[in-house]
ModelCIF file with pLDDT and N, C-alpha, C, O atoms, coordinates in Angstrom:
data_MODEL
#
_entry.id   MODEL 
#
_entity.id                         1 
_entity.type                       polymer 
_entity.pdbx_number_of_molecules   1 
#
_entity_poly.entity_id                      1 
_entity_poly.type                           'polypeptide(L)' 
_entity_poly.nstd_linkage                   no 
_entity_poly.nstd_monomer                   no 
_entity_poly.pdbx_seq_one_letter_code       RNCGFALVFEGLNPLTTTDDRLRAQLAGRPVVR 
_entity_poly.pdbx_seq_one_letter_code_can   RNCGFALVFEGLNPLTTTDDRLRAQLAGRPVVR 
_entity_poly.pdbx_strand_id                 A 
#
loop_
_entity_poly_seq.entity_id 
_entity_poly_seq.num 
_entity_poly_seq.mon_id 
_entity_poly_seq.hetero 
1 1  ARG n 
1 2  ASN n 
1 3  CYS n 
1 4  GLY n 
1 5  PHE n 
1 6  ALA n 
1 7  LEU n 
1 8  VAL n 
1 9  PHE n 
1 10 GLU n 
1 11 GLY n 
1 12 LEU n 
1 13 ASN n 
1 14 PRO n 
1 15 LEU n 
1 16 THR n 
1 17 THR n 
1 18 THR n 
1 19 ASP n 
1 20 ASP n 
1 21 ARG n 
1 22 LEU n 
1 23 ARG n 
1 24 ALA n 
1 25 GLN n 
1 26 LEU n 
1 27 ALA n 
1 28 GLY n 
1 29 ARG n 
1 30 PRO n 
1 31 VAL n 
1 32 VAL n 
1 33 ARG n 
#
_struct_asym.id          A 
_struct_asym.entity_id   1 
#
loop_
_ma_qa_metric.id 
_ma_qa_metric.mode 
_ma_qa_metric.name 
_ma_qa_metric.software_group_id 
_ma_qa_metric.type 
1 global pLDDT . pLDDT 
2 local  pLDDT . pLDDT 
#
_ma_qa_metric_global.metric_id      1 
_ma_qa_metric_global.metric_value   84.58 
_ma_qa_metric_global.model_id       1 
_ma_qa_metric_global.ordinal_id     1 
#
loop_
_ma_qa_metric_local.label_asym_id 
_ma_qa_metric_local.label_comp_id 
_ma_qa_metric_local.label_seq_id 
_ma_qa_metric_local.metric_id 
_ma_qa_metric_local.metric_value 
_ma_qa_metric_local.model_id 
_ma_qa_metric_local.ordinal_id 
A ARG 1  2 82.00 1 1  
A ASN 2  2 82.00 1 2  
A CYS 3  2 79.00 1 3  
A GLY 4  2 67.00 1 4  
A PHE 5  2 77.00 1 5  
A ALA 6  2 80.00 1 6  
A LEU 7  2 83.00 1 7  
A VAL 8  2 85.00 1 8  
A PHE 9  2 86.00 1 9  
A GLU 10 2 83.00 1 10 
A GLY 11 2 87.00 1 11 
A LEU 12 2 85.00 1 12 
A ASN 13 2 84.00 1 13 
A PRO 14 2 76.00 1 14 
A LEU 15 2 79.00 1 15 
A THR 16 2 86.00 1 16 
A THR 17 2 85.00 1 17 
A THR 18 2 89.00 1 18 
A ASP 19 2 88.00 1 19 
A ASP 20 2 92.00 1 20 
A ARG 21 2 90.00 1 21 
A LEU 22 2 86.00 1 22 
A ARG 23 2 88.00 1 23 
A ALA 24 2 90.00 1 24 
A GLN 25 2 87.00 1 25 
A LEU 26 2 86.00 1 26 
A ALA 27 2 86.00 1 27 
A GLY 28 2 86.00 1 28 
A ARG 29 2 86.00 1 29 
A PRO 30 2 89.00 1 30 
A VAL 31 2 88.00 1 31 
A VAL 32 2 88.00 1 32 
A ARG 33 2 86.00 1 33 
#
loop_
_atom_site.group_PDB 
_atom_site.id 
_atom_site.type_symbol 
_atom_site.label_atom_id 
_atom_site.label_alt_id 
_atom_site.label_comp_id 
_atom_site.label_asym_id 
_atom_site.label_entity_id 
_atom_site.label_seq_id 
_atom_site.pdbx_PDB_ins_code 
_atom_site.Cartn_x 
_atom_site.Cartn_y 
_atom_site.Cartn_z 
_atom_site.occupancy 
_atom_site.B_iso_or_equiv 
_atom_site.pdbx_formal_charge 
_atom_site.auth_seq_id 
_atom_site.auth_comp_id 
_atom_site.auth_asym_id 
_atom_site.auth_atom_id 
_atom_site.pdbx_PDB_model_num 
ATOM 1   N N  . ARG A 1 1  ? 1.541  1.520   -11.234 1.00 82.00 ? 1  ARG A N  1 
ATOM 2   C CA . ARG A 1 1  ? 1.564  1.537   -12.704 1.00 82.00 ? 1  ARG A CA 1 
ATOM 3   C C  . ARG A 1 1  ? 2.688  2.434   -13.224 1.00 82.00 ? 1  ARG A C  1 
ATOM 4   O O  . ARG A 1 1  ? 3.335  2.109   -14.220 1.00 82.00 ? 1  ARG A O  1 
ATOM 5   N N  . ASN A 1 2  ? 2.917  3.555   -12.554 1.00 82.00 ? 2  ASN A N  1 
ATOM 6   C CA . ASN A 1 2  ? 3.896  4.517   -13.046 1.00 82.00 ? 2  ASN A CA 1 
ATOM 7   C C  . ASN A 1 2  ? 5.322  4.221   -12.630 1.00 82.00 ? 2  ASN A C  1 
ATOM 8   O O  . ASN A 1 2  ? 6.255  4.767   -13.219 1.00 82.00 ? 2  ASN A O  1 
ATOM 9   N N  . CYS A 1 3  ? 5.522  3.367   -11.626 1.00 79.00 ? 3  CYS A N  1 
ATOM 10  C CA . CYS A 1 3  ? 6.888  3.041   -11.218 1.00 79.00 ? 3  CYS A CA 1 
ATOM 11  C C  . CYS A 1 3  ? 7.474  1.965   -12.117 1.00 79.00 ? 3  CYS A C  1 
ATOM 12  O O  . CYS A 1 3  ? 8.692  1.794   -12.168 1.00 79.00 ? 3  CYS A O  1 
ATOM 13  N N  . GLY A 1 4  ? 6.621  1.241   -12.822 1.00 67.00 ? 4  GLY A N  1 
ATOM 14  C CA . GLY A 1 4  ? 7.056  0.302   -13.848 1.00 67.00 ? 4  GLY A CA 1 
ATOM 15  C C  . GLY A 1 4  ? 8.033  -0.750  -13.388 1.00 67.00 ? 4  GLY A C  1 
ATOM 16  O O  . GLY A 1 4  ? 7.632  -1.827  -12.947 1.00 67.00 ? 4  GLY A O  1 
ATOM 17  N N  . PHE A 1 5  ? 9.307  -0.451  -13.485 1.00 77.00 ? 5  PHE A N  1 
ATOM 18  C CA . PHE A 1 5  ? 10.358 -1.435  -13.269 1.00 77.00 ? 5  PHE A CA 1 
ATOM 19  C C  . PHE A 1 5  ? 10.321 -2.026  -11.872 1.00 77.00 ? 5  PHE A C  1 
ATOM 20  O O  . PHE A 1 5  ? 10.688 -3.187  -11.690 1.00 77.00 ? 5  PHE A O  1 
ATOM 21  N N  . ALA A 1 6  ? 9.889  -1.260  -10.881 1.00 80.00 ? 6  ALA A N  1 
ATOM 22  C CA . ALA A 1 6  ? 9.844  -1.771  -9.509  1.00 80.00 ? 6  ALA A CA 1 
ATOM 23  C C  . ALA A 1 6  ? 8.889  -2.950  -9.390  1.00 80.00 ? 6  ALA A C  1 
ATOM 24  O O  . ALA A 1 6  ? 9.110  -3.838  -8.567  1.00 80.00 ? 6  ALA A O  1 
ATOM 25  N N  . LEU A 1 7  ? 7.829  -2.977  -10.199 1.00 83.00 ? 7  LEU A N  1 
ATOM 26  C CA . LEU A 1 7  ? 6.891  -4.092  -10.143 1.00 83.00 ? 7  LEU A CA 1 
ATOM 27  C C  . LEU A 1 7  ? 7.522  -5.401  -10.617 1.00 83.00 ? 7  LEU A C  1 
ATOM 28  O O  . LEU A 1 7  ? 7.084  -6.481  -10.219 1.00 83.00 ? 7  LEU A O  1 
ATOM 29  N N  . VAL A 1 8  ? 8.530  -5.310  -11.450 1.00 85.00 ? 8  VAL A N  1 
ATOM 30  C CA . VAL A 1 8  ? 9.213  -6.516  -11.925 1.00 85.00 ? 8  VAL A CA 1 
ATOM 31  C C  . VAL A 1 8  ? 9.807  -7.273  -10.739 1.00 85.00 ? 8  VAL A C  1 
ATOM 32  O O  . VAL A 1 8  ? 9.817  -8.504  -10.730 1.00 85.00 ? 8  VAL A O  1 
ATOM 33  N N  . PHE A 1 9  ? 10.296 -6.547  -9.749  1.00 86.00 ? 9  PHE A N  1 
ATOM 34  C CA . PHE A 1 9  ? 10.851 -7.183  -8.549  1.00 86.00 ? 9  PHE A CA 1 
ATOM 35  C C  . PHE A 1 9  ? 9.764  -7.849  -7.719  1.00 86.00 ? 9  PHE A C  1 
ATOM 36  O O  . PHE A 1 9  ? 10.054 -8.706  -6.884  1.00 86.00 ? 9  PHE A O  1 
ATOM 37  N N  . GLU A 1 10 ? 8.532  -7.464  -7.941  1.00 83.00 ? 10 GLU A N  1 
ATOM 38  C CA . GLU A 1 10 ? 7.390  -8.085  -7.268  1.00 83.00 ? 10 GLU A CA 1 
ATOM 39  C C  . GLU A 1 10 ? 6.876  -9.281  -8.061  1.00 83.00 ? 10 GLU A C  1 
ATOM 40  O O  . GLU A 1 10 ? 5.953  -9.968  -7.624  1.00 83.00 ? 10 GLU A O  1 
ATOM 41  N N  . GLY A 1 11 ? 7.474  -9.533  -9.230  1.00 87.00 ? 11 GLY A N  1 
ATOM 42  C CA . GLY A 1 11 ? 7.034  -10.638 -10.070 1.00 87.00 ? 11 GLY A CA 1 
ATOM 43  C C  . GLY A 1 11 ? 5.856  -10.282 -10.958 1.00 87.00 ? 11 GLY A C  1 
ATOM 44  O O  . GLY A 1 11 ? 5.139  -11.168 -11.425 1.00 87.00 ? 11 GLY A O  1 
ATOM 45  N N  . LEU A 1 12 ? 5.649  -8.987  -11.196 1.00 85.00 ? 12 LEU A N  1 
ATOM 46  C CA . LEU A 1 12 ? 4.531  -8.523  -12.008 1.00 85.00 ? 12 LEU A CA 1 
ATOM 47  C C  . LEU A 1 12 ? 5.023  -7.738  -13.213 1.00 85.00 ? 12 LEU A C  1 
ATOM 48  O O  . LEU A 1 12 ? 6.040  -7.048  -13.137 1.00 85.00 ? 12 LEU A O  1 
ATOM 49  N N  . ASN A 1 13 ? 4.307  -7.841  -14.317 1.00 84.00 ? 13 ASN A N  1 
ATOM 50  C CA . ASN A 1 13 ? 4.588  -7.026  -15.489 1.00 84.00 ? 13 ASN A CA 1 
ATOM 51  C C  . ASN A 1 13 ? 3.649  -5.829  -15.441 1.00 84.00 ? 13 ASN A C  1 
ATOM 52  O O  . ASN A 1 13 ? 2.434  -6.007  -15.526 1.00 84.00 ? 13 ASN A O  1 
ATOM 53  N N  . PRO A 1 14 ? 4.179  -4.604  -15.306 1.00 76.00 ? 14 PRO A N  1 
ATOM 54  C CA . PRO A 1 14 ? 3.317  -3.435  -15.154 1.00 76.00 ? 14 PRO A CA 1 
ATOM 55  C C  . PRO A 1 14 ? 2.446  -3.167  -16.380 1.00 76.00 ? 14 PRO A C  1 
ATOM 56  O O  . PRO A 1 14 ? 1.433  -2.475  -16.276 1.00 76.00 ? 14 PRO A O  1 
ATOM 57  N N  . LEU A 1 15 ? 2.825  -3.700  -17.525 1.00 79.00 ? 15 LEU A N  1 
ATOM 58  C CA . LEU A 1 15 ? 2.061  -3.452  -18.745 1.00 79.00 ? 15 LEU A CA 1 
ATOM 59  C C  . LEU A 1 15 ? 0.906  -4.427  -18.926 1.00 79.00 ? 15 LEU A C  1 
ATOM 60  O O  . LEU A 1 15 ? -0.071 -4.106  -19.602 1.00 79.00 ? 15 LEU A O  1 
ATOM 61  N N  . THR A 1 16 ? 1.005  -5.606  -18.337 1.00 86.00 ? 16 THR A N  1 
ATOM 62  C CA . THR A 1 16 ? -0.024 -6.622  -18.558 1.00 86.00 ? 16 THR A CA 1 
ATOM 63  C C  . THR A 1 16 ? -0.793 -7.013  -17.292 1.00 86.00 ? 16 THR A C  1 
ATOM 64  O O  . THR A 1 16 ? -1.803 -7.712  -17.380 1.00 86.00 ? 16 THR A O  1 
ATOM 65  N N  . THR A 1 17 ? -0.336 -6.580  -16.133 1.00 85.00 ? 17 THR A N  1 
ATOM 66  C CA . THR A 1 17 ? -0.989 -6.938  -14.876 1.00 85.00 ? 17 THR A CA 1 
ATOM 67  C C  . THR A 1 17 ? -2.332 -6.227  -14.762 1.00 85.00 ? 17 THR A C  1 
ATOM 68  O O  . THR A 1 17 ? -2.437 -5.039  -15.067 1.00 85.00 ? 17 THR A O  1 
ATOM 69  N N  . THR A 1 18 ? -3.339 -6.939  -14.330 1.00 89.00 ? 18 THR A N  1 
ATOM 70  C CA . THR A 1 18 ? -4.667 -6.345  -14.157 1.00 89.00 ? 18 THR A CA 1 
ATOM 71  C C  . THR A 1 18 ? -4.728 -5.546  -12.862 1.00 89.00 ? 18 THR A C  1 
ATOM 72  O O  . THR A 1 18 ? -3.922 -5.745  -11.954 1.00 89.00 ? 18 THR A O  1 
ATOM 73  N N  . ASP A 1 19 ? -5.691 -4.644  -12.794 1.00 88.00 ? 19 ASP A N  1 
ATOM 74  C CA . ASP A 1 19 ? -5.880 -3.872  -11.567 1.00 88.00 ? 19 ASP A CA 1 
ATOM 75  C C  . ASP A 1 19 ? -6.226 -4.775  -10.390 1.00 88.00 ? 19 ASP A C  1 
ATOM 76  O O  . ASP A 1 19 ? -5.804 -4.524  -9.261  1.00 88.00 ? 19 ASP A O  1 
ATOM 77  N N  . ASP A 1 20 ? -6.994 -5.828  -10.659 1.00 92.00 ? 20 ASP A N  1 
ATOM 78  C CA . ASP A 1 20 ? -7.350 -6.759  -9.573  1.00 92.00 ? 20 ASP A CA 1 
ATOM 79  C C  . ASP A 1 20 ? -6.108 -7.440  -9.005  1.00 92.00 ? 20 ASP A C  1 
ATOM 80  O O  . ASP A 1 20 ? -5.990 -7.609  -7.792  1.00 92.00 ? 20 ASP A O  1 
ATOM 81  N N  . ARG A 1 21 ? -5.188 -7.828  -9.876  1.00 90.00 ? 21 ARG A N  1 
ATOM 82  C CA . ARG A 1 21 ? -3.936 -8.468  -9.424  1.00 90.00 ? 21 ARG A CA 1 
ATOM 83  C C  . ARG A 1 21 ? -3.092 -7.471  -8.630  1.00 90.00 ? 21 ARG A C  1 
ATOM 84  O O  . ARG A 1 21 ? -2.493 -7.821  -7.613  1.00 90.00 ? 21 ARG A O  1 
ATOM 85  N N  . LEU A 1 22 ? -3.051 -6.223  -9.110  1.00 86.00 ? 22 LEU A N  1 
ATOM 86  C CA . LEU A 1 22 ? -2.301 -5.194  -8.384  1.00 86.00 ? 22 LEU A CA 1 
ATOM 87  C C  . LEU A 1 22 ? -2.923 -4.934  -7.011  1.00 86.00 ? 22 LEU A C  1 
ATOM 88  O O  . LEU A 1 22 ? -2.208 -4.802  -6.017  1.00 86.00 ? 22 LEU A O  1 
ATOM 89  N N  . ARG A 1 23 ? -4.246 -4.863  -6.958  1.00 88.00 ? 23 ARG A N  1 
ATOM 90  C CA . ARG A 1 23 ? -4.929 -4.663  -5.668  1.00 88.00 ? 23 ARG A CA 1 
ATOM 91  C C  . ARG A 1 23 ? -4.549 -5.763  -4.683  1.00 88.00 ? 23 ARG A C  1 
ATOM 92  O O  . ARG A 1 23 ? -4.261 -5.492  -3.517  1.00 88.00 ? 23 ARG A O  1 
ATOM 93  N N  . ALA A 1 24 ? -4.551 -7.006  -5.163  1.00 90.00 ? 24 ALA A N  1 
ATOM 94  C CA . ALA A 1 24 ? -4.195 -8.134  -4.297  1.00 90.00 ? 24 ALA A CA 1 
ATOM 95  C C  . ALA A 1 24 ? -2.749 -8.026  -3.832  1.00 90.00 ? 24 ALA A C  1 
ATOM 96  O O  . ALA A 1 24 ? -2.444 -8.306  -2.673  1.00 90.00 ? 24 ALA A O  1 
ATOM 97  N N  . GLN A 1 25 ? -1.857 -7.620  -4.735  1.00 87.00 ? 25 GLN A N  1 
ATOM 98  C CA . GLN A 1 25 ? -0.430 -7.508  -4.405  1.00 87.00 ? 25 GLN A CA 1 
ATOM 99  C C  . GLN A 1 25 ? -0.181 -6.374  -3.411  1.00 87.00 ? 25 GLN A C  1 
ATOM 100 O O  . GLN A 1 25 ? 0.677  -6.484  -2.535  1.00 87.00 ? 25 GLN A O  1 
ATOM 101 N N  . LEU A 1 26 ? -0.936 -5.288  -3.553  1.00 86.00 ? 26 LEU A N  1 
ATOM 102 C CA . LEU A 1 26 ? -0.708 -4.102  -2.727  1.00 86.00 ? 26 LEU A CA 1 
ATOM 103 C C  . LEU A 1 26 ? -1.547 -4.079  -1.446  1.00 86.00 ? 26 LEU A C  1 
ATOM 104 O O  . LEU A 1 26 ? -1.424 -3.153  -0.644  1.00 86.00 ? 26 LEU A O  1 
ATOM 105 N N  . ALA A 1 27 ? -2.380 -5.069  -1.253  1.00 86.00 ? 27 ALA A N  1 
ATOM 106 C CA . ALA A 1 27 ? -3.262 -5.089  -0.082  1.00 86.00 ? 27 ALA A CA 1 
ATOM 107 C C  . ALA A 1 27 ? -2.452 -5.011  1.208   1.00 86.00 ? 27 ALA A C  1 
ATOM 108 O O  . ALA A 1 27 ? -1.471 -5.732  1.389   1.00 86.00 ? 27 ALA A O  1 
ATOM 109 N N  . GLY A 1 28 ? -2.876 -4.140  2.083   1.00 86.00 ? 28 GLY A N  1 
ATOM 110 C CA . GLY A 1 28 ? -2.228 -4.015  3.380   1.00 86.00 ? 28 GLY A CA 1 
ATOM 111 C C  . GLY A 1 28 ? -1.019 -3.104  3.407   1.00 86.00 ? 28 GLY A C  1 
ATOM 112 O O  . GLY A 1 28 ? -0.460 -2.865  4.477   1.00 86.00 ? 28 GLY A O  1 
ATOM 113 N N  . ARG A 1 29 ? -0.598 -2.589  2.262   1.00 86.00 ? 29 ARG A N  1 
ATOM 114 C CA . ARG A 1 29 ? 0.554  -1.678  2.253   1.00 86.00 ? 29 ARG A CA 1 
ATOM 115 C C  . ARG A 1 29 ? 0.078  -0.257  2.545   1.00 86.00 ? 29 ARG A C  1 
ATOM 116 O O  . ARG A 1 29 ? -0.965 0.171   2.049   1.00 86.00 ? 29 ARG A O  1 
ATOM 117 N N  . PRO A 1 30 ? 0.834  0.455   3.335   1.00 89.00 ? 30 PRO A N  1 
ATOM 118 C CA . PRO A 1 30 ? 0.400  1.819   3.668   1.00 89.00 ? 30 PRO A CA 1 
ATOM 119 C C  . PRO A 1 30 ? 0.564  2.768   2.481   1.00 89.00 ? 30 PRO A C  1 
ATOM 120 O O  . PRO A 1 30 ? 1.478  2.627   1.669   1.00 89.00 ? 30 PRO A O  1 
ATOM 121 N N  . VAL A 1 31 ? -0.334 3.723   2.406   1.00 88.00 ? 31 VAL A N  1 
ATOM 122 C CA . VAL A 1 31 ? -0.256 4.794   1.415   1.00 88.00 ? 31 VAL A CA 1 
ATOM 123 C C  . VAL A 1 31 ? -0.179 6.087   2.213   1.00 88.00 ? 31 VAL A C  1 
ATOM 124 O O  . VAL A 1 31 ? -1.022 6.342   3.074   1.00 88.00 ? 31 VAL A O  1 
ATOM 125 N N  . VAL A 1 32 ? 0.823  6.898   1.931   1.00 88.00 ? 32 VAL A N  1 
ATOM 126 C CA . VAL A 1 32 ? 1.054  8.123   2.682   1.00 88.00 ? 32 VAL A CA 1 
ATOM 127 C C  . VAL A 1 32 ? 1.009  9.312   1.733   1.00 88.00 ? 32 VAL A C  1 
ATOM 128 O O  . VAL A 1 32 ? 1.637  9.291   0.675   1.00 88.00 ? 32 VAL A O  1 
ATOM 129 N N  . ARG A 1 33 ? 0.277  10.334  2.104   1.00 86.00 ? 33 ARG A N  1 
ATOM 130 C CA . ARG A 1 33 ? 0.251  11.578  1.329   1.00 86.00 ? 33 ARG A CA 1 
ATOM 131 C C  . ARG A 1 33 ? 1.247  12.536  1.961   1.00 86.00 ? 33 ARG A C  1 
ATOM 132 O O  . ARG A 1 33 ? 1.410  13.660  1.486   1.00 86.00 ? 33 ARG A O  1 
#
């Protein structure tokens, strides 16, 4: 949500995309702290 413009390259609008759609798009991607 906070990277905004990067989601456009994924074919998503960060302002209108639902959390469910984002979850589906991000599924399987690693998250590192």
